[in-house]
Every structure is written in structure tokens, then in C-alpha cells.
Amino acid sequence: MRTKTLTALGLAAIGLSMVLTANLGAADKESLHRTYCHEVAVWSAEEARGIDPTDRTGHPDYRGIAAEHCPGLRPAP
């Protein structure tokens, strides 16, 4: 009986760790996405101000997804 209880507890611990790992992965993915959008916004704003590409911070939209997937990002006037 003791072996079955320990096995059940072990399996529950493994299941819980898998759920936590999946949730942490989703949070990391969301954080990376926000950072990507922020960096593209900075690059675009500096481009609109005429800053030389070698002096800009951020990065261009090298994935080609900013217009569709970054809320609030629009071309600078």
C-alpha cells in the first residue's frame, strides 16, 4: 500500500511540474513577443526621425509580423 501511495504522489508531482513548466513557457513567450514589438517600435520611430540605421537602437521588423501582431504599432507620421 505504501508503494502505491508513493507512486501516486510521484506521478502527481511530475504532472504538476509539467503544468508549471508549460505555464512558464507561455509567460516567457509573451514577454519575448512584447520585447520584439517594443524594439520594432523604437526602430520605426528613429527611422521616421531620420536617424542613420547604424545609430538606431531597437531592430527592424525582421520577422515581418509587426503590422499584424504588435497592437498599436503604426507607421510614424
PDB file of N, CA and C in Angstrom:
ATOM      1  N   MET A   1       0.823  -1.191   0.000  1.00  0.00           N
ATOM      2  CA  MET A   1       0.000   0.000   0.000  1.00  0.00           C
ATOM      3  C   MET A   1       0.869   1.258   0.000  1.00  0.00           C
ATOM      4  N   ARG A   2       1.929   1.231   0.757  1.00  0.00           N
ATOM      5  CA  ARG A   2       2.821   2.382   0.839  1.00  0.00           C
ATOM      6  C   ARG A   2       3.462   2.663  -0.526  1.00  0.00           C
ATOM      7  N   THR A   3       3.812   1.652  -1.266  1.00  0.00           N
ATOM      8  CA  THR A   3       4.419   1.815  -2.588  1.00  0.00           C
ATOM      9  C   THR A   3       3.441   2.487  -3.548  1.00  0.00           C
ATOM     10  N   LYS A   4       2.171   2.087  -3.504  1.00  0.00           N
ATOM     11  CA  LYS A   4       1.164   2.695  -4.379  1.00  0.00           C
ATOM     12  C   LYS A   4       0.973   4.171  -4.040  1.00  0.00           C
ATOM     13  N   THR A   5       1.003   4.493  -2.772  1.00  0.00           N
ATOM     14  CA  THR A   5       0.835   5.887  -2.353  1.00  0.00           C
ATOM     15  C   THR A   5       2.011   6.734  -2.839  1.00  0.00           C
ATOM     16  N   LEU A   6       3.217   6.216  -2.678  1.00  0.00           N
ATOM     17  CA  LEU A   6       4.400   6.949  -3.133  1.00  0.00           C
ATOM     18  C   LEU A   6       4.408   7.100  -4.651  1.00  0.00           C
ATOM     19  N   THR A   7       3.979   6.081  -5.350  1.00  0.00           N
ATOM     20  CA  THR A   7       3.910   6.148  -6.809  1.00  0.00           C
ATOM     21  C   THR A   7       2.898   7.206  -7.239  1.00  0.00           C
ATOM     22  N   ALA A   8       1.747   7.222  -6.586  1.00  0.00           N
ATOM     23  CA  ALA A   8       0.717   8.207  -6.910  1.00  0.00           C
ATOM     24  C   ALA A   8       1.213   9.623  -6.622  1.00  0.00           C
ATOM     25  N   LEU A   9       1.888   9.804  -5.511  1.00  0.00           N
ATOM     26  CA  LEU A   9       2.435  11.128  -5.180  1.00  0.00           C
ATOM     27  C   LEU A   9       3.508  11.540  -6.182  1.00  0.00           C
ATOM     28  N   GLY A  10       4.341  10.612  -6.581  1.00  0.00           N
ATOM     29  CA  GLY A  10       5.375  10.896  -7.568  1.00  0.00           C
ATOM     30  C   GLY A  10       4.788  11.309  -8.902  1.00  0.00           C
ATOM     31  N   LEU A  11       3.765  10.579  -9.342  1.00  0.00           N
ATOM     32  CA  LEU A  11       3.113  10.925 -10.606  1.00  0.00           C
ATOM     33  C   LEU A  11       2.416  12.279 -10.525  1.00  0.00           C
ATOM     34  N   ALA A  12       1.812  12.574  -9.375  1.00  0.00           N
ATOM     35  CA  ALA A  12       1.171  13.877  -9.194  1.00  0.00           C
ATOM     36  C   ALA A  12       2.213  14.994  -9.237  1.00  0.00           C
ATOM     37  N   ALA A  13       3.362  14.771  -8.637  1.00  0.00           N
ATOM     38  CA  ALA A  13       4.428  15.778  -8.653  1.00  0.00           C
ATOM     39  C   ALA A  13       4.942  16.001 -10.071  1.00  0.00           C
ATOM     40  N   ILE A  14       5.091  14.938 -10.822  1.00  0.00           N
ATOM     41  CA  ILE A  14       5.539  15.054 -12.212  1.00  0.00           C
ATOM     42  C   ILE A  14       4.502  15.827 -13.030  1.00  0.00           C
ATOM     43  N   GLY A  15       3.245  15.509 -12.856  1.00  0.00           N
ATOM     44  CA  GLY A  15       2.172  16.207 -13.572  1.00  0.00           C
ATOM     45  C   GLY A  15       2.147  17.687 -13.229  1.00  0.00           C
ATOM     46  N   LEU A  16       2.278  18.011 -11.952  1.00  0.00           N
ATOM     47  CA  LEU A  16       2.282  19.403 -11.518  1.00  0.00           C
ATOM     48  C   LEU A  16       3.470  20.154 -12.112  1.00  0.00           C
ATOM     49  N   SER A  17       4.631  19.526 -12.120  1.00  0.00           N
ATOM     50  CA  SER A  17       5.813  20.193 -12.685  1.00  0.00           C
ATOM     51  C   SER A  17       5.647  20.431 -14.183  1.00  0.00           C
ATOM     52  N   MET A  18       4.992  19.521 -14.884  1.00  0.00           N
ATOM     53  CA  MET A  18       4.752  19.702 -16.318  1.00  0.00           C
ATOM     54  C   MET A  18       3.809  20.878 -16.568  1.00  0.00           C
ATOM     55  N   VAL A  19       2.778  21.005 -15.743  1.00  0.00           N
ATOM     56  CA  VAL A  19       1.835  22.120 -15.886  1.00  0.00           C
ATOM     57  C   VAL A  19       2.544  23.442 -15.604  1.00  0.00           C
ATOM     58  N   LEU A  20       3.336  23.496 -14.560  1.00  0.00           N
ATOM     59  CA  LEU A  20       4.068  24.721 -14.235  1.00  0.00           C
ATOM     60  C   LEU A  20       5.049  25.091 -15.333  1.00  0.00           C
ATOM     61  N   THR A  21       5.733  24.120 -15.871  1.00  0.00           N
ATOM     62  CA  THR A  21       6.686  24.371 -16.950  1.00  0.00           C
ATOM     63  C   THR A  21       5.977  24.923 -18.174  1.00  0.00           C
ATOM     64  N   ALA A  22       4.836  24.373 -18.520  1.00  0.00           N
ATOM     65  CA  ALA A  22       4.078  24.858 -19.678  1.00  0.00           C
ATOM     66  C   ALA A  22       3.627  26.292 -19.464  1.00  0.00           C
ATOM     67  N   ASN A  23       3.176  26.632 -18.262  1.00  0.00           N
ATOM     68  CA  ASN A  23       2.732  27.993 -17.968  1.00  0.00           C
ATOM     69  C   ASN A  23       3.895  28.971 -17.987  1.00  0.00           C
ATOM     70  N   LEU A  24       5.033  28.580 -17.475  1.00  0.00           N
ATOM     71  CA  LEU A  24       6.200  29.458 -17.501  1.00  0.00           C
ATOM     72  C   LEU A  24       6.659  29.686 -18.935  1.00  0.00           C
ATOM     73  N   GLY A  25       6.575  28.669 -19.763  1.00  0.00           N
ATOM     74  CA  GLY A  25       6.945  28.817 -21.163  1.00  0.00           C
ATOM     75  C   GLY A  25       6.053  29.813 -21.879  1.00  0.00           C
ATOM     76  N   ALA A  26       4.764  29.806 -21.583  1.00  0.00           N
ATOM     77  CA  ALA A  26       3.831  30.739 -22.203  1.00  0.00           C
ATOM     78  C   ALA A  26       4.129  32.169 -21.757  1.00  0.00           C
ATOM     79  N   ALA A  27       4.471  32.346 -20.484  1.00  0.00           N
ATOM     80  CA  ALA A  27       4.802  33.675 -19.977  1.00  0.00           C
ATOM     81  C   ALA A  27       6.076  34.194 -20.645  1.00  0.00           C
ATOM     82  N   ASP A  28       7.067  33.331 -20.810  1.00  0.00           N
ATOM     83  CA  ASP A  28       8.305  33.726 -21.477  1.00  0.00           C
ATOM     84  C   ASP A  28       8.040  34.108 -22.931  1.00  0.00           C
ATOM     85  N   LYS A  29       7.191  33.359 -23.592  1.00  0.00           N
ATOM     86  CA  LYS A  29       6.872  33.639 -24.990  1.00  0.00           C
ATOM     87  C   LYS A  29       6.188  34.999 -25.116  1.00  0.00           C
ATOM     88  N   GLU A  30       5.262  35.291 -24.215  1.00  0.00           N
ATOM     89  CA  GLU A  30       4.565  36.579 -24.233  1.00  0.00           C
ATOM     90  C   GLU A  30       5.541  37.728 -23.968  1.00  0.00           C
ATOM     91  N   SER A  31       6.454  37.534 -23.048  1.00  0.00           N
ATOM     92  CA  SER A  31       7.451  38.552 -22.737  1.00  0.00           C
ATOM     93  C   SER A  31       8.355  38.815 -23.943  1.00  0.00           C
ATOM     94  N   LEU A  32       8.779  37.758 -24.607  1.00  0.00           N
ATOM     95  CA  LEU A  32       9.616  37.913 -25.799  1.00  0.00           C
ATOM     96  C   LEU A  32       8.869  38.637 -26.913  1.00  0.00           C
ATOM     97  N   HIS A  33       7.584  38.341 -27.057  1.00  0.00           N
ATOM     98  CA  HIS A  33       6.770  38.995 -28.084  1.00  0.00           C
ATOM     99  C   HIS A  33       6.651  40.492 -27.793  1.00  0.00           C
ATOM    100  N   ARG A  34       6.387  40.852 -26.530  1.00  0.00           N
ATOM    101  CA  ARG A  34       6.294  42.264 -26.159  1.00  0.00           C
ATOM    102  C   ARG A  34       7.613  42.990 -26.420  1.00  0.00           C
ATOM    103  N   THR A  35       8.712  42.343 -26.072  1.00  0.00           N
ATOM    104  CA  THR A  35      10.029  42.939 -26.296  1.00  0.00           C
ATOM    105  C   THR A  35      10.281  43.144 -27.786  1.00  0.00           C
ATOM    106  N   TYR A  36       9.933  42.147 -28.599  1.00  0.00           N
ATOM    107  CA  TYR A  36      10.097  42.259 -30.048  1.00  0.00           C
ATOM    108  C   TYR A  36       9.319  43.469 -30.567  1.00  0.00           C
ATOM    109  N   CYS A  37       8.058  43.598 -30.167  1.00  0.00           N
ATOM    110  CA  CYS A  37       7.223  44.710 -30.631  1.00  0.00           C
ATOM    111  C   CYS A  37       7.799  46.050 -30.185  1.00  0.00           C
ATOM    112  N   HIS A  38       8.281  46.114 -28.963  1.00  0.00           N
ATOM    113  CA  HIS A  38       8.868  47.351 -28.454  1.00  0.00           C
ATOM    114  C   HIS A  38      10.097  47.740 -29.268  1.00  0.00           C
ATOM    115  N   GLU A  39      10.963  46.788 -29.531  1.00  0.00           N
ATOM    116  CA  GLU A  39      12.182  47.074 -30.285  1.00  0.00           C
ATOM    117  C   GLU A  39      11.871  47.521 -31.714  1.00  0.00           C
ATOM    118  N   VAL A  40      10.855  46.922 -32.327  1.00  0.00           N
ATOM    119  CA  VAL A  40      10.448  47.327 -33.684  1.00  0.00           C
ATOM    120  C   VAL A  40       9.881  48.748 -33.641  1.00  0.00           C
ATOM    121  N   ALA A  41       9.114  49.070 -32.607  1.00  0.00           N
ATOM    122  CA  ALA A  41       8.548  50.415 -32.477  1.00  0.00           C
ATOM    123  C   ALA A  41       9.653  51.462 -32.332  1.00  0.00           C
ATOM    124  N   VAL A  42      10.655  51.156 -31.532  1.00  0.00           N
ATOM    125  CA  VAL A  42      11.781  52.079 -31.351  1.00  0.00           C
ATOM    126  C   VAL A  42      12.503  52.286 -32.681  1.00  0.00           C
ATOM    127  N   TRP A  43      12.772  51.199 -33.374  1.00  0.00           N
ATOM    128  CA  TRP A  43      13.453  51.286 -34.682  1.00  0.00           C
ATOM    129  C   TRP A  43      12.644  52.154 -35.644  1.00  0.00           C
ATOM    130  N   SER A  44      11.341  51.929 -35.718  1.00  0.00           N
ATOM    131  CA  SER A  44      10.479  52.672 -36.645  1.00  0.00           C
ATOM    132  C   SER A  44      10.442  54.152 -36.300  1.00  0.00           C
ATOM    133  N   ALA A  45      10.368  54.476 -35.020  1.00  0.00           N
ATOM    134  CA  ALA A  45      10.332  55.877 -34.596  1.00  0.00           C
ATOM    135  C   ALA A  45      11.640  56.576 -34.958  1.00  0.00           C
ATOM    136  N   GLU A  46      12.742  55.908 -34.736  1.00  0.00           N
ATOM    137  CA  GLU A  46      14.029  56.506 -35.074  1.00  0.00           C
ATOM    138  C   GLU A  46      14.215  56.622 -36.584  1.00  0.00           C
ATOM    139  N   GLU A  47      13.666  55.675 -37.313  1.00  0.00           N
ATOM    140  CA  GLU A  47      13.706  55.744 -38.783  1.00  0.00           C
ATOM    141  C   GLU A  47      12.922  56.966 -39.261  1.00  0.00           C
ATOM    142  N   ALA A  48      11.755  57.205 -38.657  1.00  0.00           N
ATOM    143  CA  ALA A  48      10.925  58.343 -39.042  1.00  0.00           C
ATOM    144  C   ALA A  48      11.610  59.673 -38.727  1.00  0.00           C
ATOM    145  N   ARG A  49      12.455  59.688 -37.719  1.00  0.00           N
ATOM    146  CA  ARG A  49      13.201  60.911 -37.373  1.00  0.00           C
ATOM    147  C   ARG A  49      14.447  61.082 -38.223  1.00  0.00           C
ATOM    148  N   GLY A  50      14.741  60.119 -39.078  1.00  0.00           N
ATOM    149  CA  GLY A  50      15.877  60.228 -39.988  1.00  0.00           C
ATOM    150  C   GLY A  50      17.208  59.806 -39.386  1.00  0.00           C
ATOM    151  N   ILE A  51      17.170  59.045 -38.316  1.00  0.00           N
ATOM    152  CA  ILE A  51      18.405  58.583 -37.688  1.00  0.00           C
ATOM    153  C   ILE A  51      19.029  57.505 -38.571  1.00  0.00           C
ATOM    154  N   ASP A  52      20.321  57.602 -38.763  1.00  0.00           N
ATOM    155  CA  ASP A  52      21.062  56.643 -39.589  1.00  0.00           C
ATOM    156  C   ASP A  52      20.884  55.230 -39.023  1.00  0.00           C
ATOM    157  N   PRO A  53      20.682  54.217 -39.877  1.00  0.00           N
ATOM    158  CA  PRO A  53      20.483  52.837 -39.391  1.00  0.00           C
ATOM    159  C   PRO A  53      21.599  52.327 -38.473  1.00  0.00           C
ATOM    160  N   THR A  54      22.820  52.798 -38.685  1.00  0.00           N
ATOM    161  CA  THR A  54      23.914  52.323 -37.825  1.00  0.00           C
ATOM    162  C   THR A  54      23.862  52.943 -36.437  1.00  0.00           C
ATOM    163  N   ASP A  55      23.078  54.011 -36.266  1.00  0.00           N
ATOM    164  CA  ASP A  55      22.971  54.681 -34.965  1.00  0.00           C
ATOM    165  C   ASP A  55      21.653  54.384 -34.257  1.00  0.00           C
ATOM    166  N   ARG A  56      20.762  53.651 -34.891  1.00  0.00           N
ATOM    167  CA  ARG A  56      19.460  53.352 -34.290  1.00  0.00           C
ATOM    168  C   ARG A  56      19.558  52.275 -33.220  1.00  0.00           C
ATOM    169  N   THR A  57      18.648  52.352 -32.266  1.00  0.00           N
ATOM    170  CA  THR A  57      18.501  51.271 -31.297  1.00  0.00           C
ATOM    171  C   THR A  57      17.296  50.448 -31.720  1.00  0.00           C
ATOM    172  N   GLY A  58      17.002  49.404 -31.012  1.00  0.00           N
ATOM    173  CA  GLY A  58      15.919  48.521 -31.429  1.00  0.00           C
ATOM    174  C   GLY A  58      16.364  47.695 -32.624  1.00  0.00           C
ATOM    175  N   HIS A  59      15.386  47.199 -33.370  1.00  0.00           N
ATOM    176  CA  HIS A  59      15.708  46.434 -34.577  1.00  0.00           C
ATOM    177  C   HIS A  59      14.541  46.512 -35.543  1.00  0.00           C
ATOM    178  N   PRO A  60      14.820  46.298 -36.833  1.00  0.00           N
ATOM    179  CA  PRO A  60      13.725  46.322 -37.812  1.00  0.00           C
ATOM    180  C   PRO A  60      12.822  45.100 -37.642  1.00  0.00           C
ATOM    181  N   ASP A  61      11.712  45.129 -38.324  1.00  0.00           N
ATOM    182  CA  ASP A  61      10.758  44.021 -38.275  1.00  0.00           C
ATOM    183  C   ASP A  61      11.263  42.888 -39.157  1.00  0.00           C
ATOM    184  N   TYR A  62      12.291  42.201 -38.684  1.00  0.00           N
ATOM    185  CA  TYR A  62      12.908  41.147 -39.493  1.00  0.00           C
ATOM    186  C   TYR A  62      12.031  39.915 -39.635  1.00  0.00           C
ATOM    187  N   ARG A  63      11.017  39.767 -38.805  1.00  0.00           N
ATOM    188  CA  ARG A  63      10.069  38.648 -38.960  1.00  0.00           C
ATOM    189  C   ARG A  63       8.916  39.001 -39.896  1.00  0.00           C
ATOM    190  N   GLY A  64       8.708  40.283 -40.103  1.00  0.00           N
ATOM    191  CA  GLY A  64       7.611  40.733 -40.958  1.00  0.00           C
ATOM    192  C   GLY A  64       6.237  40.546 -40.339  1.00  0.00           C
ATOM    193  N   ILE A  65       6.150  40.627 -39.008  1.00  0.00           N
ATOM    194  CA  ILE A  65       4.872  40.370 -38.326  1.00  0.00           C
ATOM    195  C   ILE A  65       4.363  41.560 -37.530  1.00  0.00           C
ATOM    196  N   ALA A  66       5.121  42.626 -37.444  1.00  0.00           N
ATOM    197  CA  ALA A  66       4.777  43.722 -36.540  1.00  0.00           C
ATOM    198  C   ALA A  66       3.450  44.384 -36.883  1.00  0.00           C
ATOM    199  N   ALA A  67       3.203  44.628 -38.164  1.00  0.00           N
ATOM    200  CA  ALA A  67       1.965  45.306 -38.553  1.00  0.00           C
ATOM    201  C   ALA A  67       0.731  44.524 -38.113  1.00  0.00           C
ATOM    202  N   GLU A  68       0.821  43.230 -38.134  1.00  0.00           N
ATOM    203  CA  GLU A  68      -0.329  42.388 -37.801  1.00  0.00           C
ATOM    204  C   GLU A  68      -0.374  41.979 -36.330  1.00  0.00           C
ATOM    205  N   HIS A  69       0.784  41.767 -35.710  1.00  0.00           N
ATOM    206  CA  HIS A  69       0.810  41.161 -34.381  1.00  0.00           C
ATOM    207  C   HIS A  69       1.226  42.085 -33.242  1.00  0.00           C
ATOM    208  N   CYS A  70       1.599  43.318 -33.545  1.00  0.00           N
ATOM    209  CA  CYS A  70       2.005  44.238 -32.483  1.00  0.00           C
ATOM    210  C   CYS A  70       0.922  45.310 -32.341  1.00  0.00           C
ATOM    211  N   PRO A  71       0.108  45.225 -31.278  1.00  0.00           N
ATOM    212  CA  PRO A  71      -1.004  46.168 -31.117  1.00  0.00           C
ATOM    213  C   PRO A  71      -0.504  47.607 -30.962  1.00  0.00           C
ATOM    214  N   GLY A  72      -1.153  48.513 -31.654  1.00  0.00           N
ATOM    215  CA  GLY A  72      -0.811  49.917 -31.546  1.00  0.00           C
ATOM    216  C   GLY A  72       0.341  50.348 -32.418  1.00  0.00           C
ATOM    217  N   LEU A  73       1.014  49.443 -33.068  1.00  0.00           N
ATOM    218  CA  LEU A  73       2.149  49.818 -33.913  1.00  0.00           C
ATOM    219  C   LEU A  73       1.611  50.275 -35.262  1.00  0.00           C
ATOM    220  N   ARG A  74       1.937  51.485 -35.590  1.00  0.00           N
ATOM    221  CA  ARG A  74       1.536  52.014 -36.890  1.00  0.00           C
ATOM    222  C   ARG A  74       2.687  52.865 -37.412  1.00  0.00           C
ATOM    223  N   PRO A  75       2.719  53.091 -38.676  1.00  0.00           N
ATOM    224  CA  PRO A  75       3.818  53.904 -39.230  1.00  0.00           C
ATOM    225  C   PRO A  75       3.857  55.282 -38.599  1.00  0.00           C
ATOM    226  N   ALA A  76       5.032  55.780 -38.331  1.00  0.00           N
ATOM    227  CA  ALA A  76       5.187  57.115 -37.760  1.00  0.00           C
ATOM    228  C   ALA A  76       4.829  58.162 -38.827  1.00  0.00           C
ATOM    229  N   PRO A  77       4.224  59.281 -38.405  1.00  0.00           N
ATOM    230  CA  PRO A  77       3.850  60.314 -39.386  1.00  0.00           C
ATOM    231  C   PRO A  77       5.060  61.037 -39.936  1.00  0.00           C
TER     232      PRO A  77
END
